[in-house]
Amino acid sequence: FHSINNKENGYFIIEYAGKKIGLIHGKNNDFEKRTSEGGIFIWDKEYIKTLVPSLASLILDDYTFLITNFNATYAKVLSSNDPVIEYNKLMGYVPCEPQTNDKGVQWMILTRENYIKRMKLLRKSIANATGDGEPLTAKDFDFSDDSPEEIELLYKGLPPDIQQTIDG
């Protein structure tokens, strides 16, 4: 896990109501182009068609666009997976040029501009459902359970503007 969870690739367990239900990631972070590739996997079928995956996606997208100040994030979806393609469209993604030569996949992109437009609408719904529609800020981070080694691996060497945002 430590070999893939680093500043270029962030992998996070989705925990809801004390239960680990899935994984979400932002990988292949390119700090020069300010792009990444996101993905989510919910293994607990009880939560697939709930608000929880959308909340996890929103948190990761907030981090991507509001904390790291990225320009775009990509998603790679099986071309036959219509529900996930529709889910990504709901989140603001649009089809784009393939980023790799993978067969049978649809690449999609969420730009900062589309994200900001879409999130204005989604935050109202989220606030109605959860009571909290506020965007993620650096104040929402808690590093108290991270070891010095984890801090070094995950945060040292980030671009200065991102480091400043995280440091508050």
N, C-alpha and C. Protein backbone atom coordinates (compact mmCIF):
# COMPACT_ATOMS: atom_id res chain seq x y z
N PHE A 1 0.83 -1.19 0.00
CA PHE A 1 0.00 0.00 0.00
C PHE A 1 0.87 1.25 0.00
N HIS A 2 1.96 1.24 0.77
CA HIS A 2 2.83 2.42 0.84
C HIS A 2 3.53 2.70 -0.48
N SER A 3 3.70 1.67 -1.32
CA SER A 3 4.38 1.90 -2.59
C SER A 3 3.49 2.65 -3.59
N ILE A 4 2.15 2.61 -3.39
CA ILE A 4 1.26 3.32 -4.30
C ILE A 4 0.60 4.53 -3.66
N ASN A 5 0.57 4.58 -2.35
CA ASN A 5 -0.05 5.72 -1.66
C ASN A 5 1.05 6.71 -1.33
N ASN A 6 1.21 7.70 -2.19
CA ASN A 6 2.26 8.70 -2.04
C ASN A 6 1.73 10.01 -2.63
N LYS A 7 2.56 11.01 -2.76
CA LYS A 7 2.06 12.30 -3.23
C LYS A 7 1.54 12.26 -4.67
N GLU A 8 2.01 11.31 -5.47
CA GLU A 8 1.52 11.18 -6.84
C GLU A 8 0.24 10.36 -6.94
N ASN A 9 -0.06 9.58 -5.89
CA ASN A 9 -1.21 8.67 -5.91
C ASN A 9 -1.81 8.61 -4.53
N GLY A 10 -3.00 9.16 -4.37
CA GLY A 10 -3.66 9.11 -3.08
C GLY A 10 -4.79 8.09 -3.07
N TYR A 11 -4.66 7.09 -2.22
CA TYR A 11 -5.69 6.05 -2.08
C TYR A 11 -6.31 6.17 -0.70
N PHE A 12 -7.65 6.15 -0.65
CA PHE A 12 -8.36 6.37 0.59
C PHE A 12 -9.47 5.34 0.75
N ILE A 13 -9.55 4.76 1.92
CA ILE A 13 -10.65 3.86 2.25
C ILE A 13 -11.88 4.72 2.55
N ILE A 14 -13.01 4.35 1.99
CA ILE A 14 -14.27 5.03 2.29
C ILE A 14 -14.89 4.29 3.47
N GLU A 15 -15.03 5.02 4.56
CA GLU A 15 -15.62 4.46 5.77
C GLU A 15 -16.89 5.23 6.07
N TYR A 16 -17.97 4.49 6.28
CA TYR A 16 -19.24 5.11 6.58
C TYR A 16 -19.92 4.36 7.72
N ALA A 17 -20.36 5.08 8.71
CA ALA A 17 -21.01 4.49 9.88
C ALA A 17 -20.15 3.40 10.50
N GLY A 18 -18.83 3.65 10.55
CA GLY A 18 -17.90 2.71 11.17
C GLY A 18 -17.58 1.48 10.33
N LYS A 19 -18.00 1.47 9.08
CA LYS A 19 -17.82 0.30 8.21
C LYS A 19 -17.03 0.70 6.96
N LYS A 20 -16.01 -0.07 6.62
CA LYS A 20 -15.24 0.18 5.41
C LYS A 20 -16.02 -0.37 4.23
N ILE A 21 -16.43 0.54 3.32
CA ILE A 21 -17.33 0.14 2.25
C ILE A 21 -16.75 0.27 0.85
N GLY A 22 -15.59 0.91 0.72
CA GLY A 22 -15.02 1.10 -0.60
C GLY A 22 -13.68 1.80 -0.57
N LEU A 23 -13.22 2.14 -1.78
CA LEU A 23 -11.93 2.79 -1.97
C LEU A 23 -12.11 3.89 -3.01
N ILE A 24 -11.46 5.00 -2.79
CA ILE A 24 -11.46 6.09 -3.77
C ILE A 24 -10.02 6.55 -3.94
N HIS A 25 -9.68 6.97 -5.14
CA HIS A 25 -8.30 7.40 -5.35
C HIS A 25 -8.22 8.54 -6.35
N GLY A 26 -7.14 9.31 -6.19
CA GLY A 26 -6.70 10.28 -7.17
C GLY A 26 -5.27 9.88 -7.49
N LYS A 27 -5.02 9.38 -8.68
CA LYS A 27 -3.69 8.86 -9.00
C LYS A 27 -3.09 9.59 -10.20
N ASN A 28 -1.85 9.26 -10.45
CA ASN A 28 -1.11 9.87 -11.56
C ASN A 28 -1.17 11.39 -11.50
N ASN A 29 -1.02 11.94 -10.30
CA ASN A 29 -1.05 13.39 -10.13
C ASN A 29 0.11 14.01 -10.89
N ASP A 30 -0.20 14.93 -11.77
CA ASP A 30 0.81 15.67 -12.53
C ASP A 30 0.76 17.11 -12.02
N PHE A 31 1.76 17.47 -11.22
CA PHE A 31 1.75 18.78 -10.58
C PHE A 31 2.13 19.90 -11.53
N GLU A 32 2.71 19.58 -12.68
CA GLU A 32 3.00 20.62 -13.67
C GLU A 32 1.76 20.94 -14.50
N LYS A 33 1.09 19.89 -15.00
CA LYS A 33 -0.14 20.09 -15.78
C LYS A 33 -1.35 20.33 -14.89
N ARG A 34 -1.19 20.00 -13.60
CA ARG A 34 -2.29 20.10 -12.63
C ARG A 34 -3.47 19.21 -13.05
N THR A 35 -3.14 17.92 -13.31
CA THR A 35 -4.16 16.93 -13.66
C THR A 35 -3.97 15.67 -12.83
N SER A 36 -5.04 14.89 -12.74
CA SER A 36 -4.98 13.61 -12.05
C SER A 36 -6.00 12.67 -12.69
N GLU A 37 -6.02 11.44 -12.20
CA GLU A 37 -7.01 10.46 -12.64
C GLU A 37 -7.70 9.92 -11.40
N GLY A 38 -9.01 10.03 -11.37
CA GLY A 38 -9.76 9.58 -10.21
C GLY A 38 -10.49 8.28 -10.46
N GLY A 39 -10.82 7.61 -9.38
CA GLY A 39 -11.60 6.38 -9.48
C GLY A 39 -12.20 6.03 -8.14
N ILE A 40 -13.25 5.23 -8.19
CA ILE A 40 -13.93 4.81 -6.97
C ILE A 40 -14.41 3.38 -7.16
N PHE A 41 -14.34 2.62 -6.08
CA PHE A 41 -14.84 1.25 -6.07
C PHE A 41 -15.57 1.02 -4.76
N ILE A 42 -16.85 0.71 -4.85
CA ILE A 42 -17.66 0.41 -3.67
C ILE A 42 -17.88 -1.09 -3.65
N TRP A 43 -17.30 -1.77 -2.67
CA TRP A 43 -17.45 -3.22 -2.61
C TRP A 43 -18.65 -3.66 -1.79
N ASP A 44 -19.15 -2.77 -0.95
CA ASP A 44 -20.32 -3.11 -0.14
C ASP A 44 -21.57 -2.72 -0.94
N LYS A 45 -22.24 -3.72 -1.50
CA LYS A 45 -23.37 -3.49 -2.39
C LYS A 45 -24.50 -2.69 -1.74
N GLU A 46 -24.58 -2.72 -0.42
CA GLU A 46 -25.60 -1.99 0.31
C GLU A 46 -25.51 -0.47 0.06
N TYR A 47 -24.30 0.02 -0.30
CA TYR A 47 -24.09 1.45 -0.43
C TYR A 47 -23.93 1.94 -1.87
N ILE A 48 -23.99 1.03 -2.84
CA ILE A 48 -23.72 1.43 -4.23
C ILE A 48 -24.69 2.50 -4.71
N LYS A 49 -25.95 2.33 -4.48
CA LYS A 49 -26.95 3.28 -4.99
C LYS A 49 -27.43 4.24 -3.90
N THR A 50 -26.47 4.68 -3.08
CA THR A 50 -26.79 5.64 -2.02
C THR A 50 -26.04 6.94 -2.28
N LEU A 51 -26.22 7.88 -1.41
CA LEU A 51 -25.54 9.17 -1.50
C LEU A 51 -24.05 9.06 -1.13
N VAL A 52 -23.66 8.00 -0.44
CA VAL A 52 -22.30 7.88 0.08
C VAL A 52 -21.23 7.95 -1.02
N PRO A 53 -21.33 7.21 -2.14
CA PRO A 53 -20.30 7.35 -3.19
C PRO A 53 -20.20 8.77 -3.73
N SER A 54 -21.33 9.44 -3.87
CA SER A 54 -21.30 10.82 -4.35
C SER A 54 -20.60 11.74 -3.36
N LEU A 55 -20.84 11.52 -2.06
CA LEU A 55 -20.17 12.32 -1.05
C LEU A 55 -18.67 12.09 -1.07
N ALA A 56 -18.26 10.83 -1.20
CA ALA A 56 -16.82 10.52 -1.28
C ALA A 56 -16.21 11.17 -2.52
N SER A 57 -16.92 11.10 -3.64
CA SER A 57 -16.43 11.73 -4.87
C SER A 57 -16.31 13.24 -4.71
N LEU A 58 -17.30 13.84 -4.08
CA LEU A 58 -17.27 15.28 -3.86
C LEU A 58 -16.08 15.68 -2.99
N ILE A 59 -15.81 14.91 -1.96
CA ILE A 59 -14.67 15.22 -1.08
C ILE A 59 -13.37 15.14 -1.87
N LEU A 60 -13.21 14.08 -2.68
CA LEU A 60 -11.99 13.96 -3.48
C LEU A 60 -11.90 15.08 -4.51
N ASP A 61 -13.02 15.42 -5.14
CA ASP A 61 -13.00 16.51 -6.12
C ASP A 61 -12.72 17.85 -5.45
N ASP A 62 -13.27 18.07 -4.27
CA ASP A 62 -12.92 19.29 -3.52
C ASP A 62 -11.42 19.35 -3.29
N TYR A 63 -10.85 18.23 -2.86
CA TYR A 63 -9.40 18.19 -2.63
C TYR A 63 -8.66 18.51 -3.93
N THR A 64 -9.09 17.87 -5.02
CA THR A 64 -8.42 18.04 -6.32
C THR A 64 -8.46 19.48 -6.80
N PHE A 65 -9.62 20.10 -6.71
CA PHE A 65 -9.78 21.44 -7.30
C PHE A 65 -9.60 22.58 -6.31
N LEU A 66 -9.96 22.38 -5.05
CA LEU A 66 -9.91 23.48 -4.10
C LEU A 66 -8.65 23.49 -3.25
N ILE A 67 -8.08 22.32 -2.99
CA ILE A 67 -6.87 22.25 -2.17
C ILE A 67 -5.62 22.21 -3.06
N THR A 68 -5.59 21.29 -4.02
CA THR A 68 -4.38 21.18 -4.86
C THR A 68 -4.44 22.09 -6.08
N ASN A 69 -5.60 22.74 -6.30
CA ASN A 69 -5.73 23.71 -7.37
C ASN A 69 -5.44 23.10 -8.75
N PHE A 70 -5.92 21.86 -8.97
CA PHE A 70 -5.71 21.21 -10.25
C PHE A 70 -6.68 21.77 -11.28
N ASN A 71 -6.34 21.57 -12.56
CA ASN A 71 -7.16 22.04 -13.67
C ASN A 71 -8.17 21.02 -14.14
N ALA A 72 -7.84 19.72 -13.99
CA ALA A 72 -8.72 18.67 -14.50
C ALA A 72 -8.40 17.34 -13.84
N THR A 73 -9.41 16.50 -13.81
CA THR A 73 -9.21 15.11 -13.40
C THR A 73 -9.89 14.21 -14.42
N TYR A 74 -9.28 13.08 -14.69
CA TYR A 74 -9.77 12.13 -15.68
C TYR A 74 -10.37 10.91 -14.98
N ALA A 75 -11.30 10.26 -15.69
CA ALA A 75 -11.85 8.99 -15.22
C ALA A 75 -11.85 8.03 -16.41
N LYS A 76 -11.51 6.78 -16.13
CA LYS A 76 -11.52 5.74 -17.16
C LYS A 76 -12.62 4.75 -16.77
N VAL A 77 -13.62 4.58 -17.65
CA VAL A 77 -14.79 3.76 -17.36
C VAL A 77 -14.95 2.73 -18.47
N LEU A 78 -15.30 1.50 -18.11
CA LEU A 78 -15.62 0.51 -19.13
C LEU A 78 -16.74 1.05 -20.02
N SER A 79 -16.56 0.98 -21.31
CA SER A 79 -17.55 1.52 -22.25
C SER A 79 -18.93 0.91 -22.06
N SER A 80 -18.97 -0.31 -21.55
CA SER A 80 -20.25 -1.01 -21.35
C SER A 80 -20.90 -0.65 -20.01
N ASN A 81 -20.25 0.13 -19.18
CA ASN A 81 -20.76 0.44 -17.84
C ASN A 81 -21.58 1.73 -17.87
N ASP A 82 -22.76 1.65 -18.46
CA ASP A 82 -23.61 2.83 -18.61
C ASP A 82 -23.95 3.52 -17.29
N PRO A 83 -24.25 2.77 -16.21
CA PRO A 83 -24.57 3.48 -14.96
C PRO A 83 -23.41 4.36 -14.46
N VAL A 84 -22.18 3.90 -14.59
CA VAL A 84 -21.04 4.69 -14.12
C VAL A 84 -20.79 5.87 -15.06
N ILE A 85 -20.97 5.67 -16.35
CA ILE A 85 -20.83 6.79 -17.29
C ILE A 85 -21.86 7.87 -16.95
N GLU A 86 -23.09 7.47 -16.67
CA GLU A 86 -24.13 8.43 -16.31
C GLU A 86 -23.82 9.10 -14.98
N TYR A 87 -23.30 8.33 -14.02
CA TYR A 87 -22.91 8.89 -12.73
C TYR A 87 -21.84 9.96 -12.93
N ASN A 88 -20.84 9.67 -13.75
CA ASN A 88 -19.77 10.65 -14.00
C ASN A 88 -20.33 11.90 -14.67
N LYS A 89 -21.27 11.72 -15.59
CA LYS A 89 -21.89 12.89 -16.23
C LYS A 89 -22.63 13.73 -15.19
N LEU A 90 -23.32 13.07 -14.27
CA LEU A 90 -24.00 13.78 -13.19
C LEU A 90 -23.01 14.60 -12.37
N MET A 91 -21.81 14.07 -12.18
CA MET A 91 -20.79 14.77 -11.40
C MET A 91 -20.09 15.87 -12.21
N GLY A 92 -20.38 15.96 -13.54
CA GLY A 92 -19.82 17.02 -14.36
C GLY A 92 -18.79 16.58 -15.39
N TYR A 93 -18.48 15.29 -15.42
CA TYR A 93 -17.52 14.77 -16.40
C TYR A 93 -18.14 14.78 -17.80
N VAL A 94 -17.28 14.92 -18.80
CA VAL A 94 -17.70 14.81 -20.20
C VAL A 94 -16.71 13.88 -20.90
N PRO A 95 -17.17 13.18 -21.96
CA PRO A 95 -16.24 12.31 -22.70
C PRO A 95 -15.08 13.12 -23.26
N CYS A 96 -13.91 12.48 -23.35
CA CYS A 96 -12.72 13.16 -23.88
C CYS A 96 -11.87 12.16 -24.66
N GLU A 97 -10.80 12.68 -25.22
CA GLU A 97 -9.84 11.85 -25.95
C GLU A 97 -9.22 10.83 -25.02
N PRO A 98 -8.97 9.62 -25.52
CA PRO A 98 -8.32 8.60 -24.67
C PRO A 98 -6.95 9.07 -24.18
N GLN A 99 -6.66 8.75 -22.94
CA GLN A 99 -5.37 9.10 -22.34
C GLN A 99 -4.37 7.95 -22.45
N THR A 100 -4.87 6.74 -22.75
CA THR A 100 -4.04 5.56 -22.95
C THR A 100 -4.65 4.76 -24.10
N ASN A 101 -4.00 3.68 -24.47
CA ASN A 101 -4.48 2.84 -25.56
C ASN A 101 -5.37 1.70 -25.09
N ASP A 102 -5.94 1.80 -23.92
CA ASP A 102 -6.81 0.75 -23.40
C ASP A 102 -8.02 0.56 -24.31
N LYS A 103 -8.35 -0.69 -24.57
CA LYS A 103 -9.52 -1.02 -25.39
C LYS A 103 -10.75 -1.14 -24.50
N GLY A 104 -11.90 -0.76 -25.04
CA GLY A 104 -13.16 -0.96 -24.35
C GLY A 104 -13.42 -0.03 -23.19
N VAL A 105 -12.73 1.11 -23.18
CA VAL A 105 -12.96 2.07 -22.10
C VAL A 105 -13.35 3.43 -22.67
N GLN A 106 -14.09 4.16 -21.90
CA GLN A 106 -14.46 5.54 -22.21
C GLN A 106 -13.70 6.45 -21.24
N TRP A 107 -12.91 7.35 -21.78
CA TRP A 107 -12.24 8.34 -20.95
C TRP A 107 -13.14 9.54 -20.80
N MET A 108 -13.16 10.10 -19.61
CA MET A 108 -13.96 11.28 -19.32
C MET A 108 -13.10 12.28 -18.55
N ILE A 109 -13.46 13.55 -18.66
CA ILE A 109 -12.70 14.59 -17.98
C ILE A 109 -13.65 15.50 -17.21
N LEU A 110 -13.21 15.89 -16.03
CA LEU A 110 -13.89 16.90 -15.24
C LEU A 110 -12.94 18.07 -15.11
N THR A 111 -13.29 19.19 -15.72
CA THR A 111 -12.45 20.39 -15.61
C THR A 111 -12.87 21.17 -14.38
N ARG A 112 -12.00 22.03 -13.93
CA ARG A 112 -12.31 22.89 -12.79
C ARG A 112 -13.58 23.70 -13.07
N GLU A 113 -13.70 24.23 -14.27
CA GLU A 113 -14.86 25.05 -14.64
C GLU A 113 -16.16 24.23 -14.53
N ASN A 114 -16.17 23.02 -15.10
CA ASN A 114 -17.37 22.18 -15.01
C ASN A 114 -17.65 21.79 -13.56
N TYR A 115 -16.60 21.51 -12.82
CA TYR A 115 -16.75 21.13 -11.42
C TYR A 115 -17.43 22.24 -10.63
N ILE A 116 -16.96 23.46 -10.77
CA ILE A 116 -17.49 24.58 -10.01
C ILE A 116 -18.96 24.82 -10.38
N LYS A 117 -19.28 24.76 -11.67
CA LYS A 117 -20.68 24.93 -12.09
C LYS A 117 -21.56 23.83 -11.51
N ARG A 118 -21.11 22.59 -11.64
CA ARG A 118 -21.92 21.44 -11.22
C ARG A 118 -22.07 21.40 -9.70
N MET A 119 -21.02 21.73 -8.99
CA MET A 119 -21.06 21.62 -7.54
C MET A 119 -22.01 22.62 -6.91
N LYS A 120 -22.23 23.75 -7.54
CA LYS A 120 -23.21 24.70 -6.99
C LYS A 120 -24.57 24.02 -6.87
N LEU A 121 -24.93 23.25 -7.87
CA LEU A 121 -26.21 22.54 -7.84
C LEU A 121 -26.18 21.37 -6.86
N LEU A 122 -25.10 20.58 -6.91
CA LEU A 122 -25.04 19.39 -6.06
C LEU A 122 -24.93 19.73 -4.58
N ARG A 123 -24.25 20.82 -4.25
CA ARG A 123 -24.09 21.18 -2.83
C ARG A 123 -25.44 21.48 -2.17
N LYS A 124 -26.36 22.06 -2.92
CA LYS A 124 -27.69 22.31 -2.36
C LYS A 124 -28.36 20.99 -1.99
N SER A 125 -28.29 20.03 -2.88
CA SER A 125 -28.89 18.71 -2.61
C SER A 125 -28.20 18.03 -1.44
N ILE A 126 -26.89 18.13 -1.41
CA ILE A 126 -26.12 17.50 -0.33
C ILE A 126 -26.45 18.17 1.00
N ALA A 127 -26.56 19.48 1.00
CA ALA A 127 -26.90 20.19 2.24
C ALA A 127 -28.28 19.77 2.74
N ASN A 128 -29.22 19.60 1.82
CA ASN A 128 -30.56 19.15 2.22
C ASN A 128 -30.51 17.75 2.82
N ALA A 129 -29.67 16.88 2.27
CA ALA A 129 -29.61 15.49 2.73
C ALA A 129 -28.76 15.31 3.99
N THR A 130 -27.70 16.11 4.13
CA THR A 130 -26.75 15.88 5.22
C THR A 130 -26.67 17.01 6.23
N GLY A 131 -27.16 18.17 5.86
CA GLY A 131 -27.02 19.33 6.73
C GLY A 131 -25.70 20.06 6.55
N ASP A 132 -24.84 19.57 5.66
CA ASP A 132 -23.53 20.19 5.43
C ASP A 132 -23.27 20.25 3.93
N GLY A 133 -23.30 21.43 3.39
CA GLY A 133 -23.02 21.61 1.97
C GLY A 133 -21.77 22.42 1.72
N GLU A 134 -20.97 22.58 2.77
CA GLU A 134 -19.77 23.41 2.66
C GLU A 134 -18.65 22.66 1.93
N PRO A 135 -17.86 23.38 1.13
CA PRO A 135 -16.72 22.75 0.47
C PRO A 135 -15.61 22.39 1.47
N LEU A 136 -14.80 21.45 1.08
CA LEU A 136 -13.65 21.02 1.87
C LEU A 136 -12.64 22.16 1.96
N THR A 137 -12.05 22.33 3.14
CA THR A 137 -10.96 23.29 3.31
C THR A 137 -9.82 22.60 4.03
N ALA A 138 -8.69 23.25 4.09
CA ALA A 138 -7.53 22.69 4.79
C ALA A 138 -7.83 22.47 6.27
N LYS A 139 -8.76 23.22 6.83
CA LYS A 139 -9.14 23.05 8.24
C LYS A 139 -9.81 21.70 8.50
N ASP A 140 -10.30 21.06 7.44
CA ASP A 140 -10.96 19.76 7.59
C ASP A 140 -9.97 18.60 7.70
N PHE A 141 -8.68 18.88 7.50
CA PHE A 141 -7.66 17.83 7.56
C PHE A 141 -7.20 17.61 8.99
N ASP A 142 -6.96 16.37 9.33
CA ASP A 142 -6.42 16.02 10.64
C ASP A 142 -5.27 15.05 10.42
N PHE A 143 -4.07 15.50 10.68
CA PHE A 143 -2.88 14.68 10.46
C PHE A 143 -2.37 14.04 11.76
N SER A 144 -3.16 14.13 12.81
CA SER A 144 -2.69 13.68 14.12
C SER A 144 -2.39 12.18 14.18
N ASP A 145 -3.02 11.40 13.32
CA ASP A 145 -2.74 9.96 13.35
C ASP A 145 -1.73 9.54 12.29
N ASP A 146 -1.13 10.51 11.57
CA ASP A 146 -0.10 10.21 10.57
C ASP A 146 1.28 10.19 11.23
N SER A 147 2.03 9.18 10.92
CA SER A 147 3.40 9.08 11.45
C SER A 147 4.30 10.06 10.71
N PRO A 148 5.47 10.37 11.26
CA PRO A 148 6.41 11.23 10.53
C PRO A 148 6.78 10.64 9.16
N GLU A 149 6.86 9.32 9.07
CA GLU A 149 7.18 8.67 7.80
C GLU A 149 6.06 8.90 6.79
N GLU A 150 4.80 8.81 7.25
CA GLU A 150 3.67 9.04 6.36
C GLU A 150 3.62 10.49 5.89
N ILE A 151 3.88 11.40 6.80
CA ILE A 151 3.92 12.82 6.43
C ILE A 151 4.97 13.05 5.36
N GLU A 152 6.14 12.46 5.55
CA GLU A 152 7.22 12.58 4.57
C GLU A 152 6.80 12.03 3.21
N LEU A 153 6.20 10.84 3.21
CA LEU A 153 5.81 10.15 1.98
C LEU A 153 4.70 10.90 1.24
N LEU A 154 3.72 11.38 1.98
CA LEU A 154 2.52 11.93 1.36
C LEU A 154 2.58 13.42 1.07
N TYR A 155 3.36 14.18 1.85
CA TYR A 155 3.25 15.63 1.75
C TYR A 155 4.55 16.37 1.45
N LYS A 156 5.70 15.77 1.73
CA LYS A 156 6.96 16.47 1.48
C LYS A 156 7.19 16.56 -0.04
N GLY A 157 7.59 17.73 -0.46
CA GLY A 157 7.91 17.92 -1.87
C GLY A 157 6.73 18.32 -2.73
N LEU A 158 5.59 18.61 -2.11
CA LEU A 158 4.47 19.13 -2.90
C LEU A 158 4.82 20.54 -3.37
N PRO A 159 4.21 20.99 -4.46
CA PRO A 159 4.46 22.37 -4.89
C PRO A 159 4.15 23.34 -3.75
N PRO A 160 4.89 24.43 -3.65
CA PRO A 160 4.75 25.36 -2.52
C PRO A 160 3.33 25.86 -2.31
N ASP A 161 2.58 26.14 -3.37
CA ASP A 161 1.22 26.65 -3.17
C ASP A 161 0.31 25.61 -2.54
N ILE A 162 0.49 24.35 -2.89
CA ILE A 162 -0.31 23.28 -2.28
C ILE A 162 0.12 23.08 -0.83
N GLN A 163 1.42 23.07 -0.59
CA GLN A 163 1.93 22.91 0.77
C GLN A 163 1.40 24.03 1.66
N GLN A 164 1.39 25.26 1.14
CA GLN A 164 0.90 26.39 1.93
C GLN A 164 -0.57 26.22 2.26
N THR A 165 -1.37 25.73 1.30
CA THR A 165 -2.80 25.51 1.53
C THR A 165 -3.00 24.47 2.61
N ILE A 166 -2.27 23.37 2.54
CA ILE A 166 -2.41 22.29 3.53
C ILE A 166 -1.93 22.74 4.90
N ASP A 167 -0.83 23.46 4.92
CA ASP A 167 -0.29 23.93 6.21
C ASP A 167 -1.18 24.99 6.87
N GLY A 168 -2.06 25.59 6.05
CA GLY A 168 -2.98 26.60 6.59
C GLY A 168 -2.28 27.90 6.68
